[in-house]
């Protein structure tokens, strides 16, 4: 669990720094792509779950290993940039 807390913290800090340094137009351009990726992952979730439960070879990690850590890092980065205030 500590590994995921560290990944989330690093991702949140990275997202916050990106929010402060990049122009608003960057987030406006990236938003449709992020929404599309989220929709595709939701649609593929049953297939990915079957694939992960059926895989037989390779090293097993109880907590999901590097791919899950990277996913938590990405989620933390997205959460760090999601609280962006909008101009009225």
Protein backbone atom coordinates (compact mmCIF):
# COMPACT_ATOMS: atom_id res chain seq x y z
CA UNK A 1 0.00 0.00 0.00
CA UNK A 2 2.90 2.35 0.72
CA UNK A 3 4.13 1.90 -2.87
CA UNK A 4 0.80 3.15 -4.18
CA UNK A 5 0.75 6.09 -1.76
CA UNK A 6 4.17 7.15 -3.04
CA UNK A 7 3.01 6.79 -6.66
CA UNK A 8 -0.11 8.84 -5.96
CA UNK A 9 1.90 11.55 -4.19
CA UNK A 10 4.42 11.79 -7.03
CA UNK A 11 1.62 11.87 -9.60
CA UNK A 12 -0.31 14.54 -7.69
CA UNK A 13 2.77 16.73 -7.37
CA UNK A 14 3.58 16.28 -11.05
CA UNK A 15 0.03 17.17 -12.05
CA UNK A 16 0.08 20.24 -9.83
CA UNK A 17 3.35 21.43 -11.35
CA UNK A 18 1.98 20.86 -14.85
CA UNK A 19 -1.09 22.86 -13.92
CA UNK A 20 1.03 25.78 -12.79
CA UNK A 21 3.51 25.74 -15.68
CA UNK A 22 1.50 24.88 -18.81
CA UNK A 23 -0.97 27.24 -20.51
CA UNK A 24 -4.71 26.64 -20.16
CA UNK A 25 -4.97 25.79 -23.86
CA UNK A 26 -2.91 22.65 -23.22
CA UNK A 27 -5.56 21.25 -20.88
CA UNK A 28 -8.38 22.28 -23.20
CA UNK A 29 -6.69 20.35 -26.02
CA UNK A 30 -5.92 17.27 -23.91
CA UNK A 31 -9.34 16.93 -22.30
CA UNK A 32 -11.11 15.18 -25.23
CA UNK A 33 -8.28 12.64 -25.50
CA UNK A 34 -8.39 11.91 -21.77
CA UNK A 35 -12.15 11.40 -21.87
CA UNK A 36 -11.83 9.10 -24.88
CA UNK A 37 -9.13 7.02 -23.18
CA UNK A 38 -11.30 6.71 -20.05
CA UNK A 39 -14.29 5.55 -22.14
CA UNK A 40 -12.21 2.96 -24.00
CA UNK A 41 -10.83 1.59 -20.73
CA UNK A 42 -14.34 1.29 -19.28
CA UNK A 43 -15.49 -0.58 -22.40
CA UNK A 44 -12.47 -2.90 -22.35
CA UNK A 45 -12.59 -3.60 -18.62
CA UNK A 46 -14.32 -7.02 -18.84
CA UNK A 47 -11.92 -8.20 -21.53
CA UNK A 48 -8.88 -6.94 -19.61
CA UNK A 49 -10.10 -8.64 -16.43
CA UNK A 50 -10.49 -11.96 -18.25
CA UNK A 51 -7.06 -11.61 -19.82
CA UNK A 52 -5.42 -10.82 -16.49
CA UNK A 53 -7.13 -13.67 -14.67
CA UNK A 54 -6.22 -16.20 -17.40
CA UNK A 55 -2.56 -15.38 -17.88
CA UNK A 56 -0.39 -18.26 -16.85
CA UNK A 57 3.23 -17.30 -17.56
CA UNK A 58 5.50 -14.56 -16.27
CA UNK A 59 6.28 -13.35 -12.79
CA UNK A 60 3.28 -12.79 -10.56
CA UNK A 61 2.92 -9.73 -8.39
CA UNK A 62 0.37 -9.73 -5.63
CA UNK A 63 -0.28 -6.01 -6.02
CA UNK A 64 -0.14 -5.81 -9.82
CA UNK A 65 3.49 -4.80 -10.19
CA UNK A 66 4.80 -1.95 -12.30
CA UNK A 67 1.70 -1.54 -14.54
CA UNK A 68 -0.56 -0.89 -11.56
CA UNK A 69 2.00 1.46 -10.00
CA UNK A 70 2.13 3.43 -13.26
CA UNK A 71 -1.66 3.54 -13.36
CA UNK A 72 -1.80 4.95 -9.83
CA UNK A 73 0.87 7.49 -10.79
CA UNK A 74 -1.18 8.56 -13.81
CA UNK A 75 -4.35 8.80 -11.77
CA UNK A 76 -2.54 10.95 -9.22
CA UNK A 77 -1.23 13.18 -11.98
CA UNK A 78 -4.72 13.57 -13.40
CA UNK A 79 -6.12 14.35 -9.94
CA UNK A 80 -3.42 16.96 -9.46
CA UNK A 81 -4.56 18.80 -12.56
CA UNK A 82 -8.32 18.31 -12.18
CA UNK A 83 -8.87 21.06 -9.64
CA UNK A 84 -7.98 23.78 -12.15
CA UNK A 85 -10.03 26.92 -11.52
CA UNK A 86 -11.89 28.27 -14.53
CA UNK A 87 -12.31 31.91 -15.39
CA UNK A 88 -15.89 33.12 -15.17
